[in-house]
């Protein structure tokens, strides 16, 4: 998944976990620890913390992609692709970088306000 915010920041993430429609909400674990999020704008990659692998993704119908937990999400994009938020570092490791404000680091602002989006699915045959 690759997104561009109205501030021009490009960010996104990858997970091998399948996005499942769930009205009540469900955590999706990534036992492979392959999931990551990134900031193309800052040229940084943040890998899933090994002790947080059970919280790779949160799936709920009213949200778009959520990397991390329901409440401490590293990336949350709501279904309108405008609102959401970020608590970068909660589940994905950003400790290798100096980040002044983790809540605006990915979007360049406090909410995502997506203006462009590309989502790809990899299938191995």
Protein backbone atom coordinates (compact mmCIF):
# COMPACT_ATOMS: atom_id res chain seq x y z
CA UNK A 1 0.00 0.00 0.00
CA UNK A 2 1.34 3.39 -0.97
CA UNK A 3 -0.31 6.67 0.00
CA UNK A 4 0.24 10.36 -0.64
CA UNK A 5 -1.11 12.91 1.85
CA UNK A 6 -2.33 16.39 0.97
CA UNK A 7 1.02 17.64 2.37
CA UNK A 8 2.79 15.66 -0.36
CA UNK A 9 4.23 13.06 2.04
CA UNK A 10 4.50 9.55 0.59
CA UNK A 11 4.23 6.62 3.00
CA UNK A 12 2.78 3.15 3.23
CA UNK A 13 3.24 -0.39 4.35
CA UNK A 14 3.45 -4.02 3.43
CA UNK A 15 2.10 -7.08 5.18
CA UNK A 16 1.67 -10.68 4.10
CA UNK A 17 -1.52 -10.70 6.20
CA UNK A 18 -4.77 -10.80 4.27
CA UNK A 19 -7.18 -7.90 4.82
CA UNK A 20 -10.39 -9.45 6.15
CA UNK A 21 -13.67 -7.54 6.37
CA UNK A 22 -14.77 -7.69 10.00
CA UNK A 23 -17.56 -5.59 11.52
CA UNK A 24 -16.49 -6.24 15.12
CA UNK A 25 -12.75 -5.83 14.60
CA UNK A 26 -9.95 -8.37 14.62
CA UNK A 27 -6.19 -8.34 15.19
CA UNK A 28 -4.10 -10.08 12.55
CA UNK A 29 -0.74 -11.52 13.61
CA UNK A 30 2.33 -11.74 11.41
CA UNK A 31 4.38 -14.64 12.74
CA UNK A 32 6.86 -14.15 9.88
CA UNK A 33 7.72 -10.59 11.05
CA UNK A 34 7.82 -9.50 7.41
CA UNK A 35 5.35 -6.62 7.87
CA UNK A 36 6.77 -3.11 7.71
CA UNK A 37 5.70 0.48 7.20
CA UNK A 38 7.73 3.17 5.51
CA UNK A 39 8.16 6.85 4.76
CA UNK A 40 9.32 7.43 1.21
CA UNK A 41 9.54 11.14 2.02
CA UNK A 42 12.00 10.50 4.86
CA UNK A 43 13.59 7.41 3.20
CA UNK A 44 12.91 5.27 6.30
CA UNK A 45 11.57 1.74 6.91
CA UNK A 46 10.03 0.63 10.21
CA UNK A 47 9.83 -3.12 10.85
CA UNK A 48 7.25 -4.85 13.02
CA UNK A 49 8.56 -5.29 16.57
CA UNK A 50 9.00 -8.98 17.41
CA UNK A 51 7.13 -8.62 20.70
CA UNK A 52 4.20 -6.98 18.86
CA UNK A 53 3.79 -9.51 16.02
CA UNK A 54 0.25 -10.31 17.18
CA UNK A 55 -0.67 -6.68 16.35
CA UNK A 56 0.61 -6.42 12.79
CA UNK A 57 -2.80 -5.27 11.54
CA UNK A 58 -6.24 -4.35 12.89
CA UNK A 59 -9.15 -5.13 10.60
CA UNK A 60 -12.53 -3.50 11.05
CA UNK A 61 -15.09 -2.53 8.44
CA UNK A 62 -15.19 1.19 9.33
CA UNK A 63 -11.44 1.60 8.80
CA UNK A 64 -9.16 1.35 5.83
CA UNK A 65 -5.76 -0.14 6.58
CA UNK A 66 -4.61 -0.07 10.20
CA UNK A 67 -1.03 -1.07 10.95
CA UNK A 68 -0.80 -1.77 14.66
CA UNK A 69 -3.50 -1.95 17.30
CA UNK A 70 -6.95 -0.42 17.38
CA UNK A 71 -5.87 2.29 19.84
CA UNK A 72 -2.08 2.49 19.38
CA UNK A 73 -1.88 2.40 15.62
CA UNK A 74 1.25 3.27 13.72
CA UNK A 75 -0.90 4.01 10.67
CA UNK A 76 -4.70 4.33 10.76
CA UNK A 77 -6.58 5.45 7.71
CA UNK A 78 -10.33 5.67 8.12
CA UNK A 79 -12.71 4.54 5.39
CA UNK A 80 -13.13 8.11 4.08
CA UNK A 81 -9.33 8.24 3.50
CA UNK A 82 -9.24 11.70 5.12
CA UNK A 83 -9.32 11.08 8.86
CA UNK A 84 -7.10 8.74 10.86
CA UNK A 85 -3.90 9.07 12.81
CA UNK A 86 -0.48 7.76 13.67
CA UNK A 87 1.28 6.72 16.86
CA UNK A 88 4.48 5.76 15.09
CA UNK A 89 6.66 3.45 17.14
CA UNK A 90 3.87 1.71 19.03
CA UNK A 91 4.13 -1.57 17.12
CA UNK A 92 6.63 -0.80 14.36
CA UNK A 93 10.19 0.10 15.35
CA UNK A 94 11.31 3.66 14.64
CA UNK A 95 14.00 3.79 17.37
CA UNK A 96 16.83 3.94 14.81
CA UNK A 97 15.70 7.38 13.64
CA UNK A 98 15.49 10.81 15.23
CA UNK A 99 11.84 11.77 14.96
CA UNK A 100 10.62 15.04 16.46
CA UNK A 101 6.86 14.45 16.28
CA UNK A 102 5.75 10.85 15.73
CA UNK A 103 2.09 11.78 15.20
CA UNK A 104 2.81 13.84 12.04
CA UNK A 105 6.00 12.15 10.82
CA UNK A 106 4.37 9.94 8.18
CA UNK A 107 1.56 12.22 6.96
CA UNK A 108 3.21 15.65 7.31
CA UNK A 109 0.10 16.64 9.28
CA UNK A 110 -2.04 15.17 12.06
CA UNK A 111 -4.50 13.32 9.79
CA UNK A 112 -3.71 11.40 6.60
CA UNK A 113 -5.91 13.35 4.12
CA UNK A 114 -5.07 10.93 1.32
CA UNK A 115 -4.97 12.40 -2.19
CA UNK A 116 -3.46 9.36 -3.95
CA UNK A 117 -3.45 5.68 -3.12
CA UNK A 118 -2.06 2.54 -4.75
CA UNK A 119 -2.74 -0.90 -3.32
CA UNK A 120 -1.14 -4.04 -4.68
CA UNK A 121 -1.70 -7.69 -3.90
CA UNK A 122 1.11 -10.16 -4.41
CA UNK A 123 0.12 -13.68 -5.37
CA UNK A 124 2.57 -16.51 -5.67
CA UNK A 125 1.64 -19.35 -7.99
